[in-house]
Amino acid sequence: MKAADQRKQFDALLNDSKDSMGRLLAKAPDFPPYLSIGRQLRALSLWTQDGKMPTREQRLALDFQVVAVRELESNSNPEVQQLVKKLYQLAYDLKRLS
């Protein structure tokens, strides 16, 4: 896959993940894992806008996939499980793009 196509796929997944997180946050606005993941996705969106990539320090500040494993993976809600899968893919894609 071409780098430009990978980037488009990453941007689409990031936007989709932010939308999913927004829906979950609307249902549980005070749940700390949702707040943390939502904040990180917003930061990642800013750091990657206009084709940019996050710095090494910015990437090291991201732990949304760890939060997903610790706090969400055992949740049987299908919407949460879909988000967990998206977050894993997003973390993988970010490493590939870096």
PDB file of N, CA and C in Angstrom:
ATOM      1  N   MET A   1       0.846  -1.178   0.000  1.00  0.00           N
ATOM      2  CA  MET A   1       0.000   0.000   0.000  1.00  0.00           C
ATOM      3  C   MET A   1       0.888   1.237   0.000  1.00  0.00           C
ATOM      4  N   LYS A   2       0.524   2.206  -0.798  1.00  0.00           N
ATOM      5  CA  LYS A   2       1.288   3.445  -0.889  1.00  0.00           C
ATOM      6  C   LYS A   2       1.192   4.231   0.411  1.00  0.00           C
ATOM      7  N   ALA A   3       2.226   5.021   0.668  1.00  0.00           N
ATOM      8  CA  ALA A   3       2.260   5.827   1.894  1.00  0.00           C
ATOM      9  C   ALA A   3       1.064   6.769   1.970  1.00  0.00           C
ATOM     10  N   ALA A   4       0.684   7.355   0.841  1.00  0.00           N
ATOM     11  CA  ALA A   4      -0.460   8.276   0.833  1.00  0.00           C
ATOM     12  C   ALA A   4      -1.750   7.545   1.179  1.00  0.00           C
ATOM     13  N   ASP A   5      -1.886   6.327   0.694  1.00  0.00           N
ATOM     14  CA  ASP A   5      -3.082   5.533   1.012  1.00  0.00           C
ATOM     15  C   ASP A   5      -3.085   5.117   2.482  1.00  0.00           C
ATOM     16  N   GLN A   6      -1.904   4.766   3.003  1.00  0.00           N
ATOM     17  CA  GLN A   6      -1.807   4.420   4.423  1.00  0.00           C
ATOM     18  C   GLN A   6      -2.204   5.612   5.292  1.00  0.00           C
ATOM     19  N   ARG A   7      -1.769   6.777   4.855  1.00  0.00           N
ATOM     20  CA  ARG A   7      -2.080   7.975   5.632  1.00  0.00           C
ATOM     21  C   ARG A   7      -3.583   8.274   5.605  1.00  0.00           C
ATOM     22  N   LYS A   8      -4.205   8.130   4.455  1.00  0.00           N
ATOM     23  CA  LYS A   8      -5.653   8.344   4.362  1.00  0.00           C
ATOM     24  C   LYS A   8      -6.401   7.359   5.247  1.00  0.00           C
ATOM     25  N   GLN A   9      -5.948   6.120   5.240  1.00  0.00           N
ATOM     26  CA  GLN A   9      -6.570   5.085   6.061  1.00  0.00           C
ATOM     27  C   GLN A   9      -6.400   5.422   7.547  1.00  0.00           C
ATOM     28  N   PHE A  10      -5.218   5.879   7.929  1.00  0.00           N
ATOM     29  CA  PHE A  10      -4.960   6.266   9.314  1.00  0.00           C
ATOM     30  C   PHE A  10      -5.874   7.426   9.722  1.00  0.00           C
ATOM     31  N   ASP A  11      -5.948   8.452   8.890  1.00  0.00           N
ATOM     32  CA  ASP A  11      -6.784   9.619   9.202  1.00  0.00           C
ATOM     33  C   ASP A  11      -8.255   9.222   9.344  1.00  0.00           C
ATOM     34  N   ALA A  12      -8.724   8.348   8.473  1.00  0.00           N
ATOM     35  CA  ALA A  12     -10.118   7.898   8.541  1.00  0.00           C
ATOM     36  C   ALA A  12     -10.363   7.103   9.823  1.00  0.00           C
ATOM     37  N   LEU A  13      -9.425   6.234  10.180  1.00  0.00           N
ATOM     38  CA  LEU A  13      -9.560   5.448  11.403  1.00  0.00           C
ATOM     39  C   LEU A  13      -9.520   6.347  12.638  1.00  0.00           C
ATOM     40  N   LEU A  14      -8.660   7.336  12.628  1.00  0.00           N
ATOM     41  CA  LEU A  14      -8.589   8.271  13.755  1.00  0.00           C
ATOM     42  C   LEU A  14      -9.913   9.013  13.913  1.00  0.00           C
ATOM     43  N   ASN A  15     -10.458   9.505  12.826  1.00  0.00           N
ATOM     44  CA  ASN A  15     -11.744  10.209  12.886  1.00  0.00           C
ATOM     45  C   ASN A  15     -12.865   9.280  13.356  1.00  0.00           C
ATOM     46  N   ASP A  16     -12.870   8.066  12.857  1.00  0.00           N
ATOM     47  CA  ASP A  16     -13.884   7.099  13.260  1.00  0.00           C
ATOM     48  C   ASP A  16     -13.746   6.762  14.752  1.00  0.00           C
ATOM     49  N   SER A  17     -12.517   6.616  15.218  1.00  0.00           N
ATOM     50  CA  SER A  17     -12.265   6.325  16.632  1.00  0.00           C
ATOM     51  C   SER A  17     -12.720   7.483  17.511  1.00  0.00           C
ATOM     52  N   LYS A  18     -12.443   8.694  17.077  1.00  0.00           N
ATOM     53  CA  LYS A  18     -12.898   9.871  17.842  1.00  0.00           C
ATOM     54  C   LYS A  18     -14.421   9.914  17.898  1.00  0.00           C
ATOM     55  N   ASP A  19     -15.082   9.608  16.802  1.00  0.00           N
ATOM     56  CA  ASP A  19     -16.551   9.590  16.786  1.00  0.00           C
ATOM     57  C   ASP A  19     -17.095   8.527  17.742  1.00  0.00           C
ATOM     58  N   SER A  20     -16.518   7.332  17.700  1.00  0.00           N
ATOM     59  CA  SER A  20     -16.942   6.250  18.593  1.00  0.00           C
ATOM     60  C   SER A  20     -16.726   6.640  20.052  1.00  0.00           C
ATOM     61  N   MET A  21     -15.566   7.236  20.323  1.00  0.00           N
ATOM     62  CA  MET A  21     -15.270   7.653  21.689  1.00  0.00           C
ATOM     63  C   MET A  21     -16.243   8.729  22.135  1.00  0.00           C
ATOM     64  N   GLY A  22     -16.598   9.629  21.249  1.00  0.00           N
ATOM     65  CA  GLY A  22     -17.567  10.673  21.574  1.00  0.00           C
ATOM     66  C   GLY A  22     -18.923  10.102  21.961  1.00  0.00           C
ATOM     67  N   ARG A  23     -19.366   9.083  21.253  1.00  0.00           N
ATOM     68  CA  ARG A  23     -20.647   8.447  21.583  1.00  0.00           C
ATOM     69  C   ARG A  23     -20.593   7.782  22.953  1.00  0.00           C
ATOM     70  N   LEU A  24     -19.473   7.112  23.242  1.00  0.00           N
ATOM     71  CA  LEU A  24     -19.337   6.467  24.549  1.00  0.00           C
ATOM     72  C   LEU A  24     -19.224   7.500  25.663  1.00  0.00           C
ATOM     73  N   LEU A  25     -18.520   8.575  25.406  1.00  0.00           N
ATOM     74  CA  LEU A  25     -18.393   9.644  26.404  1.00  0.00           C
ATOM     75  C   LEU A  25     -19.740  10.291  26.695  1.00  0.00           C
ATOM     76  N   ALA A  26     -20.586  10.389  25.684  1.00  0.00           N
ATOM     77  CA  ALA A  26     -21.915  10.972  25.892  1.00  0.00           C
ATOM     78  C   ALA A  26     -22.739  10.111  26.854  1.00  0.00           C
ATOM     79  N   LYS A  27     -22.493   8.801  26.840  1.00  0.00           N
ATOM     80  CA  LYS A  27     -23.225   7.882  27.713  1.00  0.00           C
ATOM     81  C   LYS A  27     -22.616   7.809  29.117  1.00  0.00           C
ATOM     82  N   ALA A  28     -21.313   8.039  29.214  1.00  0.00           N
ATOM     83  CA  ALA A  28     -20.605   7.941  30.503  1.00  0.00           C
ATOM     84  C   ALA A  28     -19.547   9.039  30.577  1.00  0.00           C
ATOM     85  N   PRO A  29     -19.983  10.298  30.724  1.00  0.00           N
ATOM     86  CA  PRO A  29     -19.058  11.429  30.618  1.00  0.00           C
ATOM     87  C   PRO A  29     -18.008  11.534  31.720  1.00  0.00           C
ATOM     88  N   ASP A  30     -18.173  10.802  32.800  1.00  0.00           N
ATOM     89  CA  ASP A  30     -17.213  10.898  33.897  1.00  0.00           C
ATOM     90  C   ASP A  30     -16.339   9.654  34.056  1.00  0.00           C
ATOM     91  N   PHE A  31     -16.421   8.729  33.109  1.00  0.00           N
ATOM     92  CA  PHE A  31     -15.654   7.489  33.200  1.00  0.00           C
ATOM     93  C   PHE A  31     -14.192   7.780  32.838  1.00  0.00           C
ATOM     94  N   PRO A  32     -13.268   7.682  33.802  1.00  0.00           N
ATOM     95  CA  PRO A  32     -11.874   8.088  33.558  1.00  0.00           C
ATOM     96  C   PRO A  32     -11.210   7.470  32.317  1.00  0.00           C
ATOM     97  N   PRO A  33     -11.366   6.177  32.040  1.00  0.00           N
ATOM     98  CA  PRO A  33     -10.734   5.650  30.823  1.00  0.00           C
ATOM     99  C   PRO A  33     -11.255   6.331  29.545  1.00  0.00           C
ATOM    100  N   TYR A  34     -12.545   6.604  29.485  1.00  0.00           N
ATOM    101  CA  TYR A  34     -13.085   7.297  28.310  1.00  0.00           C
ATOM    102  C   TYR A  34     -12.515   8.704  28.208  1.00  0.00           C
ATOM    103  N   LEU A  35     -12.414   9.380  29.340  1.00  0.00           N
ATOM    104  CA  LEU A  35     -11.861  10.735  29.349  1.00  0.00           C
ATOM    105  C   LEU A  35     -10.412  10.728  28.865  1.00  0.00           C
ATOM    106  N   SER A  36      -9.633   9.783  29.356  1.00  0.00           N
ATOM    107  CA  SER A  36      -8.227   9.686  28.964  1.00  0.00           C
ATOM    108  C   SER A  36      -8.078   9.382  27.474  1.00  0.00           C
ATOM    109  N   ILE A  37      -8.801   8.390  27.003  1.00  0.00           N
ATOM    110  CA  ILE A  37      -8.705   8.021  25.588  1.00  0.00           C
ATOM    111  C   ILE A  37      -9.200   9.165  24.709  1.00  0.00           C
ATOM    112  N   GLY A  38     -10.297   9.781  25.083  1.00  0.00           N
ATOM    113  CA  GLY A  38     -10.815  10.899  24.303  1.00  0.00           C
ATOM    114  C   GLY A  38      -9.818  12.037  24.199  1.00  0.00           C
ATOM    115  N   ARG A  39      -9.181  12.361  25.315  1.00  0.00           N
ATOM    116  CA  ARG A  39      -8.175  13.435  25.337  1.00  0.00           C
ATOM    117  C   ARG A  39      -6.994  13.073  24.436  1.00  0.00           C
ATOM    118  N   GLN A  40      -6.554  11.829  24.494  1.00  0.00           N
ATOM    119  CA  GLN A  40      -5.425  11.403  23.666  1.00  0.00           C
ATOM    120  C   GLN A  40      -5.766  11.397  22.181  1.00  0.00           C
ATOM    121  N   LEU A  41      -6.977  10.988  21.848  1.00  0.00           N
ATOM    122  CA  LEU A  41      -7.378  10.995  20.431  1.00  0.00           C
ATOM    123  C   LEU A  41      -7.463  12.414  19.895  1.00  0.00           C
ATOM    124  N   ARG A  42      -7.955  13.339  20.711  1.00  0.00           N
ATOM    125  CA  ARG A  42      -7.986  14.742  20.283  1.00  0.00           C
ATOM    126  C   ARG A  42      -6.570  15.279  20.080  1.00  0.00           C
ATOM    127  N   ALA A  43      -5.672  14.950  20.991  1.00  0.00           N
ATOM    128  CA  ALA A  43      -4.279  15.390  20.858  1.00  0.00           C
ATOM    129  C   ALA A  43      -3.651  14.790  19.604  1.00  0.00           C
ATOM    130  N   LEU A  44      -3.860  13.500  19.388  1.00  0.00           N
ATOM    131  CA  LEU A  44      -3.303  12.845  18.207  1.00  0.00           C
ATOM    132  C   LEU A  44      -3.840  13.483  16.933  1.00  0.00           C
ATOM    133  N   SER A  45      -5.098  13.844  16.954  1.00  0.00           N
ATOM    134  CA  SER A  45      -5.689  14.504  15.796  1.00  0.00           C
ATOM    135  C   SER A  45      -4.995  15.840  15.511  1.00  0.00           C
ATOM    136  N   LEU A  46      -4.724  16.595  16.546  1.00  0.00           N
ATOM    137  CA  LEU A  46      -4.008  17.874  16.373  1.00  0.00           C
ATOM    138  C   LEU A  46      -2.590  17.640  15.874  1.00  0.00           C
ATOM    139  N   TRP A  47      -1.929  16.663  16.443  1.00  0.00           N
ATOM    140  CA  TRP A  47      -0.539  16.392  16.090  1.00  0.00           C
ATOM    141  C   TRP A  47      -0.381  15.845  14.678  1.00  0.00           C
ATOM    142  N   THR A  48      -1.458  15.284  14.119  1.00  0.00           N
ATOM    143  CA  THR A  48      -1.355  14.674  12.785  1.00  0.00           C
ATOM    144  C   THR A  48      -2.101  15.455  11.712  1.00  0.00           C
ATOM    145  N   GLN A  49      -2.669  16.601  12.082  1.00  0.00           N
ATOM    146  CA  GLN A  49      -3.416  17.358  11.072  1.00  0.00           C
ATOM    147  C   GLN A  49      -2.474  17.869   9.989  1.00  0.00           C
ATOM    148  N   ASP A  50      -3.018  18.053   8.828  1.00  0.00           N
ATOM    149  CA  ASP A  50      -2.275  18.544   7.663  1.00  0.00           C
ATOM    150  C   ASP A  50      -1.070  17.672   7.313  1.00  0.00           C
ATOM    151  N   GLY A  51      -1.201  16.375   7.561  1.00  0.00           N
ATOM    152  CA  GLY A  51      -0.138  15.458   7.165  1.00  0.00           C
ATOM    153  C   GLY A  51       1.045  15.390   8.105  1.00  0.00           C
ATOM    154  N   LYS A  52       0.986  16.091   9.233  1.00  0.00           N
ATOM    155  CA  LYS A  52       2.106  16.066  10.173  1.00  0.00           C
ATOM    156  C   LYS A  52       2.129  14.736  10.915  1.00  0.00           C
ATOM    157  N   MET A  53       3.248  14.496  11.572  1.00  0.00           N
ATOM    158  CA  MET A  53       3.392  13.322  12.440  1.00  0.00           C
ATOM    159  C   MET A  53       3.782  13.800  13.825  1.00  0.00           C
ATOM    160  N   PRO A  54       3.321  13.093  14.858  1.00  0.00           N
ATOM    161  CA  PRO A  54       3.695  13.490  16.219  1.00  0.00           C
ATOM    162  C   PRO A  54       5.194  13.308  16.449  1.00  0.00           C
ATOM    163  N   THR A  55       5.736  14.136  17.322  1.00  0.00           N
ATOM    164  CA  THR A  55       7.139  13.993  17.683  1.00  0.00           C
ATOM    165  C   THR A  55       7.317  12.727  18.518  1.00  0.00           C
ATOM    166  N   ARG A  56       8.538  12.365  18.742  1.00  0.00           N
ATOM    167  CA  ARG A  56       8.827  11.198  19.578  1.00  0.00           C
ATOM    168  C   ARG A  56       8.227  11.386  20.969  1.00  0.00           C
ATOM    169  N   GLU A  57       8.393  12.558  21.540  1.00  0.00           N
ATOM    170  CA  GLU A  57       7.864  12.837  22.873  1.00  0.00           C
ATOM    171  C   GLU A  57       6.341  12.742  22.887  1.00  0.00           C
ATOM    172  N   GLN A  58       5.711  13.243  21.853  1.00  0.00           N
ATOM    173  CA  GLN A  58       4.254  13.160  21.766  1.00  0.00           C
ATOM    174  C   GLN A  58       3.805  11.708  21.670  1.00  0.00           C
ATOM    175  N   ARG A  59       4.486  10.929  20.844  1.00  0.00           N
ATOM    176  CA  ARG A  59       4.128   9.512  20.716  1.00  0.00           C
ATOM    177  C   ARG A  59       4.299   8.779  22.044  1.00  0.00           C
ATOM    178  N   LEU A  60       5.346   9.120  22.795  1.00  0.00           N
ATOM    179  CA  LEU A  60       5.578   8.478  24.084  1.00  0.00           C
ATOM    180  C   LEU A  60       4.503   8.837  25.106  1.00  0.00           C
ATOM    181  N   ALA A  61       3.836   9.969  24.916  1.00  0.00           N
ATOM    182  CA  ALA A  61       2.775  10.397  25.828  1.00  0.00           C
ATOM    183  C   ALA A  61       1.463   9.647  25.584  1.00  0.00           C
ATOM    184  N   LEU A  62       1.378   8.943  24.478  1.00  0.00           N
ATOM    185  CA  LEU A  62       0.145   8.224  24.135  1.00  0.00           C
ATOM    186  C   LEU A  62       0.146   6.835  24.753  1.00  0.00           C
ATOM    187  N   ASP A  63      -0.915   6.523  25.472  1.00  0.00           N
ATOM    188  CA  ASP A  63      -1.049   5.174  26.021  1.00  0.00           C
ATOM    189  C   ASP A  63      -2.489   4.664  25.891  1.00  0.00           C
ATOM    190  N   PHE A  64      -3.200   5.163  24.877  1.00  0.00           N
ATOM    191  CA  PHE A  64      -4.606   4.774  24.731  1.00  0.00           C
ATOM    192  C   PHE A  64      -4.783   3.276  24.550  1.00  0.00           C
ATOM    193  N   GLN A  65      -3.821   2.613  23.906  1.00  0.00           N
ATOM    194  CA  GLN A  65      -3.952   1.172  23.732  1.00  0.00           C
ATOM    195  C   GLN A  65      -3.763   0.445  25.063  1.00  0.00           C
ATOM    196  N   VAL A  66      -2.924   0.968  25.944  1.00  0.00           N
ATOM    197  CA  VAL A  66      -2.740   0.370  27.270  1.00  0.00           C
ATOM    198  C   VAL A  66      -4.016   0.548  28.095  1.00  0.00           C
ATOM    199  N   VAL A  67      -4.603   1.731  28.035  1.00  0.00           N
ATOM    200  CA  VAL A  67      -5.863   1.982  28.741  1.00  0.00           C
ATOM    201  C   VAL A  67      -6.938   1.033  28.213  1.00  0.00           C
ATOM    202  N   ALA A  68      -6.963   0.837  26.913  1.00  0.00           N
ATOM    203  CA  ALA A  68      -7.955  -0.064  26.316  1.00  0.00           C
ATOM    204  C   ALA A  68      -7.783  -1.491  26.850  1.00  0.00           C
ATOM    205  N   VAL A  69      -6.546  -1.962  26.925  1.00  0.00           N
ATOM    206  CA  VAL A  69      -6.292  -3.316  27.427  1.00  0.00           C
ATOM    207  C   VAL A  69      -6.703  -3.428  28.893  1.00  0.00           C
ATOM    208  N   ARG A  70      -6.277  -2.485  29.686  1.00  0.00           N
ATOM    209  CA  ARG A  70      -6.517  -2.568  31.132  1.00  0.00           C
ATOM    210  C   ARG A  70      -7.971  -2.337  31.520  1.00  0.00           C
ATOM    211  N   GLU A  71      -8.609  -1.386  30.851  1.00  0.00           N
ATOM    212  CA  GLU A  71      -9.905  -0.918  31.322  1.00  0.00           C
ATOM    213  C   GLU A  71     -11.105  -1.323  30.463  1.00  0.00           C
ATOM    214  N   LEU A  72     -10.876  -1.612  29.189  1.00  0.00           N
ATOM    215  CA  LEU A  72     -12.016  -1.816  28.289  1.00  0.00           C
ATOM    216  C   LEU A  72     -12.111  -3.203  27.679  1.00  0.00           C
ATOM    217  N   GLU A  73     -11.002  -3.893  27.572  1.00  0.00           N
ATOM    218  CA  GLU A  73     -10.997  -5.154  26.839  1.00  0.00           C
ATOM    219  C   GLU A  73     -11.993  -6.169  27.387  1.00  0.00           C
ATOM    220  N   SER A  74     -12.203  -6.181  28.692  1.00  0.00           N
ATOM    221  CA  SER A  74     -13.112  -7.161  29.288  1.00  0.00           C
ATOM    222  C   SER A  74     -14.583  -6.731  29.237  1.00  0.00           C
ATOM    223  N   ASN A  75     -14.844  -5.538  28.764  1.00  0.00           N
ATOM    224  CA  ASN A  75     -16.221  -5.038  28.655  1.00  0.00           C
ATOM    225  C   ASN A  75     -16.888  -5.737  27.461  1.00  0.00           C
ATOM    226  N   SER A  76     -18.017  -6.365  27.704  1.00  0.00           N
ATOM    227  CA  SER A  76     -18.670  -7.140  26.644  1.00  0.00           C
ATOM    228  C   SER A  76     -19.572  -6.305  25.732  1.00  0.00           C
ATOM    229  N   ASN A  77     -19.729  -5.026  26.012  1.00  0.00           N
ATOM    230  CA  ASN A  77     -20.541  -4.149  25.173  1.00  0.00           C
ATOM    231  C   ASN A  77     -19.947  -4.123  23.756  1.00  0.00           C
ATOM    232  N   PRO A  78     -20.731  -4.466  22.731  1.00  0.00           N
ATOM    233  CA  PRO A  78     -20.208  -4.495  21.355  1.00  0.00           C
ATOM    234  C   PRO A  78     -19.617  -3.154  20.902  1.00  0.00           C
ATOM    235  N   GLU A  79     -20.212  -2.066  21.323  1.00  0.00           N
ATOM    236  CA  GLU A  79     -19.693  -0.746  20.936  1.00  0.00           C
ATOM    237  C   GLU A  79     -18.299  -0.519  21.538  1.00  0.00           C
ATOM    238  N   VAL A  80     -18.105  -0.941  22.768  1.00  0.00           N
ATOM    239  CA  VAL A  80     -16.801  -0.816  23.422  1.00  0.00           C
ATOM    240  C   VAL A  80     -15.798  -1.738  22.751  1.00  0.00           C
ATOM    241  N   GLN A  81     -16.213  -2.945  22.425  1.00  0.00           N
ATOM    242  CA  GLN A  81     -15.312  -3.886  21.763  1.00  0.00           C
ATOM    243  C   GLN A  81     -14.865  -3.371  20.389  1.00  0.00           C
ATOM    244  N   GLN A  82     -15.772  -2.743  19.657  1.00  0.00           N
ATOM    245  CA  GLN A  82     -15.405  -2.152  18.371  1.00  0.00           C
ATOM    246  C   GLN A  82     -14.374  -1.048  18.562  1.00  0.00           C
ATOM    247  N   LEU A  83     -14.570  -0.222  19.593  1.00  0.00           N
ATOM    248  CA  LEU A  83     -13.608   0.847  19.869  1.00  0.00           C
ATOM    249  C   LEU A  83     -12.242   0.257  20.216  1.00  0.00           C
ATOM    250  N   VAL A  84     -12.219  -0.777  21.026  1.00  0.00           N
ATOM    251  CA  VAL A  84     -10.951  -1.406  21.406  1.00  0.00           C
ATOM    252  C   VAL A  84     -10.206  -1.871  20.150  1.00  0.00           C
ATOM    253  N   LYS A  85     -10.899  -2.514  19.245  1.00  0.00           N
ATOM    254  CA  LYS A  85     -10.273  -2.962  17.993  1.00  0.00           C
ATOM    255  C   LYS A  85      -9.726  -1.788  17.196  1.00  0.00           C
ATOM    256  N   LYS A  86     -10.493  -0.704  17.129  1.00  0.00           N
ATOM    257  CA  LYS A  86     -10.034   0.493  16.410  1.00  0.00           C
ATOM    258  C   LYS A  86      -8.789   1.076  17.060  1.00  0.00           C
ATOM    259  N   LEU A  87      -8.763   1.107  18.385  1.00  0.00           N
ATOM    260  CA  LEU A  87      -7.609   1.667  19.089  1.00  0.00           C
ATOM    261  C   LEU A  87      -6.364   0.831  18.862  1.00  0.00           C
ATOM    262  N   TYR A  88      -6.507  -0.489  18.880  1.00  0.00           N
ATOM    263  CA  TYR A  88      -5.357  -1.359  18.598  1.00  0.00           C
ATOM    264  C   TYR A  88      -4.830  -1.102  17.183  1.00  0.00           C
ATOM    265  N   GLN A  89      -5.745  -1.013  16.228  1.00  0.00           N
ATOM    266  CA  GLN A  89      -5.333  -0.774  14.844  1.00  0.00           C
ATOM    267  C   GLN A  89      -4.703   0.607  14.703  1.00  0.00           C
ATOM    268  N   LEU A  90      -5.258   1.589  15.378  1.00  0.00           N
ATOM    269  CA  LEU A  90      -4.723   2.943  15.318  1.00  0.00           C
ATOM    270  C   LEU A  90      -3.292   2.982  15.850  1.00  0.00           C
ATOM    271  N   ALA A  91      -3.033   2.327  16.963  1.00  0.00           N
ATOM    272  CA  ALA A  91      -1.685   2.289  17.533  1.00  0.00           C
ATOM    273  C   ALA A  91      -0.716   1.596  16.570  1.00  0.00           C
ATOM    274  N   TYR A  92      -1.169   0.507  15.969  1.00  0.00           N
ATOM    275  CA  TYR A  92      -0.332  -0.222  15.007  1.00  0.00           C
ATOM    276  C   TYR A  92      -0.029   0.654  13.783  1.00  0.00           C
ATOM    277  N   ASP A  93      -1.056   1.291  13.263  1.00  0.00           N
ATOM    278  CA  ASP A  93      -0.879   2.133  12.079  1.00  0.00           C
ATOM    279  C   ASP A  93       0.027   3.325  12.371  1.00  0.00           C
ATOM    280  N   LEU A  94      -0.102   3.897  13.555  1.00  0.00           N
ATOM    281  CA  LEU A  94       0.755   5.028  13.924  1.00  0.00           C
ATOM    282  C   LEU A  94       2.223   4.618  13.923  1.00  0.00           C
ATOM    283  N   LYS A  95       2.506   3.436  14.435  1.00  0.00           N
ATOM    284  CA  LYS A  95       3.900   2.953  14.437  1.00  0.00           C
ATOM    285  C   LYS A  95       4.398   2.733  13.022  1.00  0.00           C
ATOM    286  N   ARG A  96       3.541   2.227  12.148  1.00  0.00           N
ATOM    287  CA  ARG A  96       3.941   1.985  10.751  1.00  0.00           C
ATOM    288  C   ARG A  96       4.214   3.281  10.013  1.00  0.00           C
ATOM    289  N   LEU A  97       3.468   4.325  10.335  1.00  0.00           N
ATOM    290  CA  LEU A  97       3.632   5.601   9.650  1.00  0.00           C
ATOM    291  C   LEU A  97       4.860   6.369  10.142  1.00  0.00           C
ATOM    292  N   SER A  98       5.243   6.116  11.372  1.00  0.00           N
ATOM    293  CA  SER A  98       6.340   6.878  11.992  1.00  0.00           C
ATOM    294  C   SER A  98       7.682   6.548  11.377  1.00  0.00           C
TER     295      SER A  98
END
